[in-house]
Amino acid sequence: MRSEKLITQLIEQTKQIIAQAKILKGCELDVLTFRENQKSWNILECLQHLNLYGDFYLPEIESKIAKSITTTEIEFKSGLLGNYFAKSMLPKEKLNKMKTFKNKNPLNNKIDRTVIDTFINQQIKLLELLNQSRTVSLSQTKINISISSFIRLQLGDAFQFYLNHIMRHLQQIEKIKSSF
């Protein structure tokens, strides 16, 4: 896929994510804190989970873009591992349950509406990083992942993985809202 086309698609997805998050700002607190059962997340917890990942990935991506001495390439080809990780996060009709690492599990933490603003601010930062990524190689710039310092993904794959993870949880949020 053309590098510019990928970046443009990811920017559009991010803008849609911001629009969805802004809608959540207008929701009543009882909607935002509703949970289907004791072990399921509410909307604010879903967003806090995403914020915890943003706290890792956004500085990581920003640092690697700033330090990169590569130049952009016309074509981006997803790596084998990166493609697998990105596709594993894609939202599906019936979401398959995934185990969350304890340090990224916000269940029953004291969370308030400010997580929505934090989430929106992280997405605005992501837009900046996507625009900055136009000047570096999406293939040669490598990003560490949160679960292992031994695995690094191409920048293009890391962006796709990160956004797919967000879209997965926004789908979960829509399901929670429809269950309320």
N, C-alpha and C. Protein backbone atom coordinates (compact mmCIF):
# COMPACT_ATOMS: atom_id res chain seq x y z
N MET A 1 0.85 -1.17 0.00
CA MET A 1 0.00 0.00 0.00
C MET A 1 0.90 1.24 0.00
N ARG A 2 0.47 2.25 -0.66
CA ARG A 2 1.22 3.50 -0.67
C ARG A 2 1.27 4.07 0.75
N SER A 3 2.44 4.52 1.17
CA SER A 3 2.63 5.07 2.52
C SER A 3 1.67 6.23 2.77
N GLU A 4 1.56 7.13 1.80
CA GLU A 4 0.69 8.29 1.98
C GLU A 4 -0.77 7.88 2.12
N LYS A 5 -1.17 6.86 1.37
CA LYS A 5 -2.56 6.38 1.47
C LYS A 5 -2.83 5.79 2.85
N LEU A 6 -1.88 5.04 3.38
CA LEU A 6 -2.03 4.46 4.72
C LEU A 6 -2.17 5.57 5.76
N ILE A 7 -1.28 6.56 5.70
CA ILE A 7 -1.33 7.65 6.67
C ILE A 7 -2.66 8.39 6.58
N THR A 8 -3.11 8.65 5.36
CA THR A 8 -4.40 9.35 5.16
C THR A 8 -5.54 8.54 5.76
N GLN A 9 -5.55 7.22 5.55
CA GLN A 9 -6.59 6.35 6.12
C GLN A 9 -6.56 6.40 7.65
N LEU A 10 -5.37 6.34 8.21
CA LEU A 10 -5.23 6.34 9.67
C LEU A 10 -5.66 7.68 10.26
N ILE A 11 -5.38 8.77 9.56
CA ILE A 11 -5.83 10.09 10.00
C ILE A 11 -7.35 10.16 9.99
N GLU A 12 -7.97 9.64 8.95
CA GLU A 12 -9.44 9.64 8.87
C GLU A 12 -10.05 8.81 10.00
N GLN A 13 -9.47 7.64 10.27
CA GLN A 13 -9.95 6.81 11.37
C GLN A 13 -9.84 7.55 12.70
N THR A 14 -8.74 8.24 12.88
CA THR A 14 -8.51 8.98 14.13
C THR A 14 -9.52 10.11 14.28
N LYS A 15 -9.83 10.79 13.19
CA LYS A 15 -10.84 11.85 13.24
C LYS A 15 -12.21 11.29 13.61
N GLN A 16 -12.54 10.09 13.09
CA GLN A 16 -13.81 9.44 13.44
C GLN A 16 -13.82 9.05 14.92
N ILE A 17 -12.69 8.58 15.41
CA ILE A 17 -12.56 8.21 16.82
C ILE A 17 -12.80 9.44 17.71
N ILE A 18 -12.21 10.57 17.33
CA ILE A 18 -12.40 11.80 18.10
C ILE A 18 -13.87 12.20 18.11
N ALA A 19 -14.52 12.08 16.96
CA ALA A 19 -15.95 12.42 16.88
C ALA A 19 -16.78 11.53 17.80
N GLN A 20 -16.47 10.23 17.83
CA GLN A 20 -17.18 9.31 18.72
C GLN A 20 -16.95 9.68 20.18
N ALA A 21 -15.72 10.03 20.51
CA ALA A 21 -15.39 10.38 21.90
C ALA A 21 -16.10 11.66 22.32
N LYS A 22 -16.22 12.60 21.41
CA LYS A 22 -16.92 13.85 21.74
C LYS A 22 -18.39 13.59 22.03
N ILE A 23 -18.98 12.62 21.37
CA ILE A 23 -20.38 12.25 21.65
C ILE A 23 -20.49 11.72 23.08
N LEU A 24 -19.48 10.97 23.52
CA LEU A 24 -19.49 10.42 24.89
C LEU A 24 -19.48 11.51 25.94
N LYS A 25 -18.89 12.66 25.62
CA LYS A 25 -18.86 13.77 26.58
C LYS A 25 -20.27 14.22 26.95
N GLY A 26 -21.23 14.01 26.05
CA GLY A 26 -22.60 14.42 26.30
C GLY A 26 -23.44 13.38 27.01
N CYS A 27 -22.87 12.21 27.27
CA CYS A 27 -23.63 11.14 27.93
C CYS A 27 -23.75 11.39 29.44
N GLU A 28 -24.86 10.95 29.98
CA GLU A 28 -25.08 11.03 31.43
C GLU A 28 -24.10 10.10 32.15
N LEU A 29 -23.77 10.43 33.38
CA LEU A 29 -22.84 9.63 34.17
C LEU A 29 -23.33 8.19 34.36
N ASP A 30 -24.65 8.01 34.51
CA ASP A 30 -25.14 6.64 34.71
C ASP A 30 -24.94 5.79 33.45
N VAL A 31 -24.91 6.39 32.28
CA VAL A 31 -24.60 5.65 31.04
C VAL A 31 -23.11 5.31 31.03
N LEU A 32 -22.29 6.27 31.36
CA LEU A 32 -20.83 6.09 31.33
C LEU A 32 -20.33 5.09 32.36
N THR A 33 -21.09 4.90 33.44
CA THR A 33 -20.65 3.99 34.50
C THR A 33 -21.45 2.68 34.54
N PHE A 34 -22.35 2.49 33.57
CA PHE A 34 -23.14 1.26 33.52
C PHE A 34 -22.25 0.09 33.13
N ARG A 35 -22.42 -1.03 33.85
CA ARG A 35 -21.70 -2.26 33.48
C ARG A 35 -22.71 -3.41 33.43
N GLU A 36 -22.49 -4.30 32.48
CA GLU A 36 -23.42 -5.42 32.28
C GLU A 36 -23.34 -6.41 33.43
N ASN A 37 -22.14 -6.59 33.99
CA ASN A 37 -21.97 -7.46 35.16
C ASN A 37 -20.75 -7.00 35.93
N GLN A 38 -20.48 -7.62 37.06
CA GLN A 38 -19.41 -7.16 37.94
C GLN A 38 -18.01 -7.25 37.33
N LYS A 39 -17.84 -8.15 36.35
CA LYS A 39 -16.52 -8.34 35.76
C LYS A 39 -16.34 -7.60 34.43
N SER A 40 -17.40 -6.94 33.98
CA SER A 40 -17.29 -6.22 32.71
C SER A 40 -16.95 -4.76 32.95
N TRP A 41 -16.30 -4.15 31.98
CA TRP A 41 -15.92 -2.75 32.08
C TRP A 41 -17.09 -1.86 31.73
N ASN A 42 -17.10 -0.68 32.32
CA ASN A 42 -18.04 0.34 31.88
C ASN A 42 -17.34 1.21 30.83
N ILE A 43 -18.03 2.20 30.30
CA ILE A 43 -17.48 3.04 29.24
C ILE A 43 -16.23 3.79 29.70
N LEU A 44 -16.28 4.37 30.88
CA LEU A 44 -15.12 5.11 31.38
C LEU A 44 -13.91 4.19 31.56
N GLU A 45 -14.16 2.96 32.00
CA GLU A 45 -13.05 2.00 32.16
C GLU A 45 -12.47 1.61 30.81
N CYS A 46 -13.30 1.46 29.80
CA CYS A 46 -12.79 1.18 28.45
C CYS A 46 -11.86 2.29 28.00
N LEU A 47 -12.29 3.53 28.21
CA LEU A 47 -11.47 4.67 27.80
C LEU A 47 -10.18 4.75 28.62
N GLN A 48 -10.27 4.48 29.91
CA GLN A 48 -9.07 4.49 30.76
C GLN A 48 -8.09 3.42 30.30
N HIS A 49 -8.59 2.26 29.92
CA HIS A 49 -7.74 1.20 29.38
C HIS A 49 -6.99 1.71 28.15
N LEU A 50 -7.71 2.38 27.26
CA LEU A 50 -7.08 2.93 26.06
C LEU A 50 -6.08 4.02 26.42
N ASN A 51 -6.39 4.83 27.42
CA ASN A 51 -5.47 5.88 27.86
C ASN A 51 -4.16 5.28 28.40
N LEU A 52 -4.27 4.17 29.10
CA LEU A 52 -3.07 3.52 29.64
C LEU A 52 -2.16 3.06 28.49
N TYR A 53 -2.75 2.55 27.42
CA TYR A 53 -1.94 2.16 26.26
C TYR A 53 -1.41 3.39 25.54
N GLY A 54 -2.21 4.45 25.47
CA GLY A 54 -1.74 5.69 24.87
C GLY A 54 -0.55 6.26 25.63
N ASP A 55 -0.57 6.13 26.96
CA ASP A 55 0.54 6.60 27.78
C ASP A 55 1.85 5.90 27.42
N PHE A 56 1.76 4.68 26.91
CA PHE A 56 2.96 3.96 26.47
C PHE A 56 3.29 4.28 25.01
N TYR A 57 2.31 4.07 24.12
CA TYR A 57 2.60 4.12 22.69
C TYR A 57 2.87 5.52 22.15
N LEU A 58 2.15 6.52 22.60
CA LEU A 58 2.34 7.85 22.02
C LEU A 58 3.75 8.41 22.28
N PRO A 59 4.27 8.37 23.52
CA PRO A 59 5.66 8.82 23.72
C PRO A 59 6.67 7.94 22.97
N GLU A 60 6.40 6.64 22.91
CA GLU A 60 7.28 5.72 22.20
C GLU A 60 7.36 6.09 20.71
N ILE A 61 6.20 6.30 20.11
CA ILE A 61 6.16 6.66 18.68
C ILE A 61 6.80 8.03 18.47
N GLU A 62 6.47 8.99 19.34
CA GLU A 62 7.03 10.33 19.20
C GLU A 62 8.56 10.30 19.26
N SER A 63 9.09 9.56 20.20
CA SER A 63 10.54 9.45 20.37
C SER A 63 11.19 8.82 19.14
N LYS A 64 10.61 7.75 18.63
CA LYS A 64 11.20 7.04 17.49
C LYS A 64 11.12 7.88 16.21
N ILE A 65 10.05 8.63 16.03
CA ILE A 65 9.96 9.52 14.87
C ILE A 65 11.02 10.61 14.98
N ALA A 66 11.17 11.20 16.17
CA ALA A 66 12.13 12.28 16.38
C ALA A 66 13.57 11.82 16.14
N LYS A 67 13.86 10.57 16.51
CA LYS A 67 15.22 10.04 16.39
C LYS A 67 15.50 9.40 15.04
N SER A 68 14.47 9.19 14.24
CA SER A 68 14.64 8.47 12.98
C SER A 68 15.47 9.28 11.98
N ILE A 69 16.42 8.59 11.34
CA ILE A 69 17.21 9.21 10.29
C ILE A 69 16.80 8.66 8.92
N THR A 70 15.65 7.98 8.89
CA THR A 70 15.16 7.40 7.65
C THR A 70 14.35 8.43 6.87
N THR A 71 14.10 8.11 5.63
CA THR A 71 13.21 8.95 4.82
C THR A 71 12.04 8.12 4.36
N THR A 72 10.96 8.80 4.05
CA THR A 72 9.74 8.12 3.66
C THR A 72 9.93 7.29 2.40
N GLU A 73 9.20 6.20 2.30
CA GLU A 73 9.22 5.39 1.09
C GLU A 73 7.83 5.44 0.46
N ILE A 74 7.77 5.20 -0.82
CA ILE A 74 6.50 5.28 -1.55
C ILE A 74 5.55 4.18 -1.08
N GLU A 75 6.06 2.97 -0.96
CA GLU A 75 5.22 1.82 -0.59
C GLU A 75 5.52 1.37 0.84
N PHE A 76 4.48 0.98 1.54
CA PHE A 76 4.63 0.37 2.86
C PHE A 76 4.12 -1.06 2.76
N LYS A 77 4.95 -2.01 3.17
CA LYS A 77 4.55 -3.41 3.21
C LYS A 77 4.57 -3.85 4.66
N SER A 78 3.43 -4.28 5.14
CA SER A 78 3.29 -4.72 6.52
C SER A 78 4.21 -5.91 6.79
N GLY A 79 4.80 -5.93 7.98
CA GLY A 79 5.62 -7.07 8.39
C GLY A 79 4.75 -8.23 8.85
N LEU A 80 5.31 -9.40 8.84
CA LEU A 80 4.57 -10.61 9.21
C LEU A 80 3.99 -10.50 10.63
N LEU A 81 4.82 -10.18 11.59
CA LEU A 81 4.38 -10.08 12.98
C LEU A 81 3.46 -8.87 13.17
N GLY A 82 3.84 -7.75 12.60
CA GLY A 82 3.03 -6.53 12.72
C GLY A 82 1.65 -6.70 12.14
N ASN A 83 1.58 -7.35 10.98
CA ASN A 83 0.30 -7.62 10.33
C ASN A 83 -0.55 -8.52 11.21
N TYR A 84 0.08 -9.54 11.81
CA TYR A 84 -0.64 -10.45 12.70
C TYR A 84 -1.21 -9.70 13.91
N PHE A 85 -0.37 -8.89 14.56
CA PHE A 85 -0.83 -8.12 15.73
C PHE A 85 -1.95 -7.16 15.35
N ALA A 86 -1.78 -6.45 14.25
CA ALA A 86 -2.79 -5.46 13.82
C ALA A 86 -4.12 -6.16 13.53
N LYS A 87 -4.06 -7.27 12.81
CA LYS A 87 -5.31 -7.98 12.47
C LYS A 87 -5.96 -8.61 13.70
N SER A 88 -5.15 -9.02 14.67
CA SER A 88 -5.71 -9.63 15.88
C SER A 88 -6.55 -8.63 16.67
N MET A 89 -6.28 -7.34 16.50
CA MET A 89 -7.02 -6.30 17.21
C MET A 89 -8.24 -5.80 16.46
N LEU A 90 -8.37 -6.19 15.21
CA LEU A 90 -9.51 -5.69 14.43
C LEU A 90 -10.83 -6.02 15.11
N PRO A 91 -11.74 -5.05 15.16
CA PRO A 91 -13.06 -5.34 15.73
C PRO A 91 -13.79 -6.36 14.85
N LYS A 92 -14.46 -7.27 15.49
CA LYS A 92 -15.23 -8.30 14.77
C LYS A 92 -16.68 -8.20 15.20
N GLU A 93 -17.55 -8.87 14.44
CA GLU A 93 -18.99 -8.88 14.75
C GLU A 93 -19.19 -9.28 16.21
N LYS A 94 -18.62 -10.44 16.59
CA LYS A 94 -18.68 -10.91 17.98
C LYS A 94 -17.25 -10.84 18.50
N LEU A 95 -16.99 -9.87 19.37
CA LEU A 95 -15.63 -9.68 19.87
C LEU A 95 -15.16 -10.90 20.66
N ASN A 96 -13.98 -11.36 20.29
CA ASN A 96 -13.38 -12.44 21.06
C ASN A 96 -12.73 -11.82 22.29
N LYS A 97 -12.94 -12.45 23.43
CA LYS A 97 -12.39 -11.94 24.69
C LYS A 97 -10.87 -12.10 24.67
N MET A 98 -10.20 -11.10 25.19
CA MET A 98 -8.75 -11.15 25.31
C MET A 98 -8.39 -10.83 26.75
N LYS A 99 -7.41 -11.52 27.26
CA LYS A 99 -6.93 -11.27 28.61
C LYS A 99 -6.16 -9.95 28.63
N THR A 100 -6.49 -9.11 29.60
CA THR A 100 -5.83 -7.82 29.74
C THR A 100 -4.75 -7.91 30.82
N PHE A 101 -3.60 -7.31 30.54
CA PHE A 101 -2.55 -7.28 31.54
C PHE A 101 -3.03 -6.49 32.75
N LYS A 102 -2.64 -6.94 33.93
CA LYS A 102 -3.14 -6.34 35.18
C LYS A 102 -2.90 -4.83 35.23
N ASN A 103 -1.74 -4.38 34.75
CA ASN A 103 -1.43 -2.95 34.83
C ASN A 103 -2.20 -2.12 33.79
N LYS A 104 -2.96 -2.79 32.94
CA LYS A 104 -3.78 -2.08 31.94
C LYS A 104 -5.27 -2.34 32.17
N ASN A 105 -5.59 -2.97 33.31
CA ASN A 105 -6.98 -3.30 33.62
C ASN A 105 -7.55 -2.28 34.62
N PRO A 106 -8.46 -1.43 34.17
CA PRO A 106 -8.99 -0.38 35.05
C PRO A 106 -10.24 -0.79 35.85
N LEU A 107 -10.61 -2.07 35.82
CA LEU A 107 -11.83 -2.53 36.48
C LEU A 107 -11.87 -2.07 37.93
N ASN A 108 -12.96 -1.39 38.29
CA ASN A 108 -13.24 -0.91 39.64
C ASN A 108 -12.25 0.13 40.18
N ASN A 109 -11.47 0.74 39.29
CA ASN A 109 -10.64 1.88 39.73
C ASN A 109 -11.52 3.11 39.80
N LYS A 110 -11.12 4.05 40.62
CA LYS A 110 -11.89 5.29 40.72
C LYS A 110 -11.57 6.14 39.50
N ILE A 111 -12.55 6.28 38.62
CA ILE A 111 -12.37 6.98 37.35
C ILE A 111 -13.51 7.98 37.19
N ASP A 112 -13.19 9.15 36.66
CA ASP A 112 -14.26 10.12 36.40
C ASP A 112 -14.27 10.52 34.93
N ARG A 113 -15.13 11.45 34.61
CA ARG A 113 -15.33 11.89 33.21
C ARG A 113 -14.07 12.44 32.55
N THR A 114 -13.08 12.84 33.34
CA THR A 114 -11.87 13.43 32.74
C THR A 114 -11.14 12.45 31.82
N VAL A 115 -11.42 11.15 31.98
CA VAL A 115 -10.78 10.18 31.08
C VAL A 115 -11.18 10.43 29.62
N ILE A 116 -12.37 10.99 29.42
CA ILE A 116 -12.81 11.30 28.05
C ILE A 116 -11.93 12.38 27.45
N ASP A 117 -11.67 13.44 28.22
CA ASP A 117 -10.81 14.52 27.73
C ASP A 117 -9.38 14.02 27.48
N THR A 118 -8.88 13.20 28.38
CA THR A 118 -7.55 12.62 28.21
C THR A 118 -7.50 11.81 26.92
N PHE A 119 -8.54 11.01 26.69
CA PHE A 119 -8.60 10.19 25.48
C PHE A 119 -8.61 11.07 24.23
N ILE A 120 -9.43 12.10 24.23
CA ILE A 120 -9.49 13.00 23.07
C ILE A 120 -8.14 13.67 22.85
N ASN A 121 -7.51 14.12 23.91
CA ASN A 121 -6.18 14.75 23.79
C ASN A 121 -5.14 13.78 23.23
N GLN A 122 -5.23 12.52 23.64
CA GLN A 122 -4.32 11.52 23.09
C GLN A 122 -4.56 11.32 21.59
N GLN A 123 -5.80 11.38 21.17
CA GLN A 123 -6.10 11.21 19.75
C GLN A 123 -5.61 12.41 18.94
N ILE A 124 -5.69 13.59 19.52
CA ILE A 124 -5.15 14.79 18.86
C ILE A 124 -3.64 14.65 18.71
N LYS A 125 -2.98 14.12 19.75
CA LYS A 125 -1.54 13.87 19.68
C LYS A 125 -1.25 12.83 18.60
N LEU A 126 -2.08 11.81 18.49
CA LEU A 126 -1.91 10.79 17.46
C LEU A 126 -1.99 11.42 16.07
N LEU A 127 -2.92 12.35 15.88
CA LEU A 127 -3.01 13.04 14.58
C LEU A 127 -1.70 13.76 14.27
N GLU A 128 -1.12 14.42 15.26
CA GLU A 128 0.17 15.10 15.08
C GLU A 128 1.25 14.11 14.67
N LEU A 129 1.29 12.97 15.35
CA LEU A 129 2.31 11.96 15.05
C LEU A 129 2.11 11.35 13.67
N LEU A 130 0.87 11.13 13.29
CA LEU A 130 0.61 10.61 11.95
C LEU A 130 1.11 11.59 10.90
N ASN A 131 0.88 12.86 11.12
CA ASN A 131 1.37 13.87 10.18
C ASN A 131 2.90 13.92 10.18
N GLN A 132 3.51 13.81 11.33
CA GLN A 132 4.98 13.80 11.41
C GLN A 132 5.56 12.57 10.72
N SER A 133 4.83 11.48 10.73
CA SER A 133 5.34 10.22 10.17
C SER A 133 5.49 10.28 8.65
N ARG A 134 4.96 11.31 8.04
CA ARG A 134 5.09 11.46 6.58
C ARG A 134 6.55 11.66 6.15
N THR A 135 7.40 12.05 7.07
CA THR A 135 8.78 12.36 6.72
C THR A 135 9.76 11.23 7.04
N VAL A 136 9.28 10.14 7.63
CA VAL A 136 10.17 9.03 7.99
C VAL A 136 9.67 7.74 7.34
N SER A 137 10.49 6.72 7.39
CA SER A 137 10.11 5.42 6.84
C SER A 137 9.14 4.71 7.78
N LEU A 138 8.00 4.32 7.23
CA LEU A 138 7.03 3.55 8.02
C LEU A 138 7.51 2.12 8.23
N SER A 139 8.50 1.68 7.44
CA SER A 139 9.02 0.32 7.54
C SER A 139 10.28 0.24 8.39
N GLN A 140 11.19 1.18 8.21
CA GLN A 140 12.48 1.11 8.89
C GLN A 140 12.45 1.71 10.30
N THR A 141 11.48 2.56 10.60
CA THR A 141 11.35 3.11 11.94
C THR A 141 10.65 2.05 12.80
N LYS A 142 11.30 1.61 13.85
CA LYS A 142 10.80 0.50 14.67
C LYS A 142 10.29 0.99 16.02
N ILE A 143 9.16 0.40 16.44
CA ILE A 143 8.48 0.79 17.67
C ILE A 143 8.45 -0.39 18.63
N ASN A 144 8.88 -0.16 19.87
CA ASN A 144 8.76 -1.19 20.90
C ASN A 144 7.29 -1.39 21.22
N ILE A 145 6.93 -2.61 21.62
CA ILE A 145 5.55 -2.85 22.02
C ILE A 145 5.47 -2.98 23.54
N SER A 146 4.28 -2.82 24.07
CA SER A 146 4.11 -2.75 25.53
C SER A 146 4.32 -4.08 26.24
N ILE A 147 4.16 -5.19 25.54
CA ILE A 147 4.22 -6.49 26.23
C ILE A 147 5.62 -7.11 26.26
N SER A 148 6.53 -6.60 25.42
CA SER A 148 7.87 -7.18 25.39
C SER A 148 8.86 -6.20 24.78
N SER A 149 9.99 -6.04 25.43
CA SER A 149 11.01 -5.15 24.87
C SER A 149 11.79 -5.83 23.75
N PHE A 150 11.54 -7.12 23.54
CA PHE A 150 12.25 -7.86 22.50
C PHE A 150 11.54 -7.79 21.15
N ILE A 151 10.28 -7.38 21.16
CA ILE A 151 9.51 -7.31 19.92
C ILE A 151 9.35 -5.86 19.51
N ARG A 152 9.70 -5.59 18.26
CA ARG A 152 9.54 -4.24 17.72
C ARG A 152 8.75 -4.35 16.42
N LEU A 153 7.85 -3.41 16.23
CA LEU A 153 7.03 -3.39 15.02
C LEU A 153 7.44 -2.21 14.14
N GLN A 154 7.23 -2.38 12.85
CA GLN A 154 7.40 -1.25 11.94
C GLN A 154 6.42 -0.16 12.35
N LEU A 155 6.79 1.09 12.16
CA LEU A 155 5.94 2.20 12.54
C LEU A 155 4.55 2.09 11.92
N GLY A 156 4.47 1.73 10.65
CA GLY A 156 3.17 1.58 9.98
C GLY A 156 2.30 0.52 10.64
N ASP A 157 2.91 -0.59 11.02
CA ASP A 157 2.18 -1.66 11.71
C ASP A 157 1.77 -1.22 13.12
N ALA A 158 2.66 -0.50 13.80
CA ALA A 158 2.35 -0.04 15.16
C ALA A 158 1.14 0.90 15.13
N PHE A 159 1.10 1.81 14.16
CA PHE A 159 -0.06 2.70 14.03
C PHE A 159 -1.33 1.89 13.81
N GLN A 160 -1.27 0.90 12.92
CA GLN A 160 -2.47 0.09 12.62
C GLN A 160 -2.90 -0.71 13.85
N PHE A 161 -1.95 -1.31 14.53
CA PHE A 161 -2.25 -2.08 15.74
C PHE A 161 -2.92 -1.18 16.78
N TYR A 162 -2.33 -0.02 17.02
CA TYR A 162 -2.83 0.91 18.02
C TYR A 162 -4.25 1.38 17.68
N LEU A 163 -4.48 1.74 16.44
CA LEU A 163 -5.81 2.21 16.03
C LEU A 163 -6.84 1.09 16.03
N ASN A 164 -6.45 -0.10 15.61
CA ASN A 164 -7.38 -1.23 15.65
C ASN A 164 -7.80 -1.54 17.08
N HIS A 165 -6.85 -1.43 18.01
CA HIS A 165 -7.16 -1.65 19.42
C HIS A 165 -8.18 -0.63 19.91
N ILE A 166 -8.01 0.62 19.51
CA ILE A 166 -8.96 1.67 19.89
C ILE A 166 -10.33 1.37 19.30
N MET A 167 -10.37 1.04 18.01
CA MET A 167 -11.66 0.77 17.37
C MET A 167 -12.35 -0.43 17.98
N ARG A 168 -11.58 -1.40 18.40
CA ARG A 168 -12.14 -2.59 19.06
C ARG A 168 -12.89 -2.17 20.33
N HIS A 169 -12.27 -1.29 21.13
CA HIS A 169 -12.91 -0.89 22.38
C HIS A 169 -14.03 0.13 22.15
N LEU A 170 -13.97 0.89 21.08
CA LEU A 170 -15.10 1.77 20.76
C LEU A 170 -16.31 0.93 20.35
N GLN A 171 -16.06 -0.19 19.70
CA GLN A 171 -17.16 -1.11 19.40
C GLN A 171 -17.73 -1.68 20.70
N GLN A 172 -16.86 -2.00 21.64
CA GLN A 172 -17.30 -2.47 22.95
C GLN A 172 -18.13 -1.39 23.64
N ILE A 173 -17.72 -0.14 23.54
CA ILE A 173 -18.45 0.98 24.15
C ILE A 173 -19.84 1.10 23.52
N GLU A 174 -19.94 0.96 22.22
CA GLU A 174 -21.25 1.03 21.56
C GLU A 174 -22.16 -0.09 22.04
N LYS A 175 -21.58 -1.27 22.27
CA LYS A 175 -22.36 -2.40 22.78
C LYS A 175 -22.85 -2.11 24.20
N ILE A 176 -22.00 -1.50 25.01
CA ILE A 176 -22.41 -1.16 26.39
C ILE A 176 -23.55 -0.13 26.34
N LYS A 177 -23.40 0.88 25.48
CA LYS A 177 -24.44 1.91 25.37
C LYS A 177 -25.78 1.30 24.93
N SER A 178 -25.72 0.35 24.01
CA SER A 178 -26.97 -0.25 23.53
C SER A 178 -27.59 -1.19 24.57
N SER A 179 -26.79 -1.63 25.54
CA SER A 179 -27.31 -2.52 26.60
C SER A 179 -27.90 -1.72 27.75
N PHE A 180 -27.61 -0.42 27.81
CA PHE A 180 -28.07 0.40 28.93
C PHE A 180 -29.57 0.50 28.96
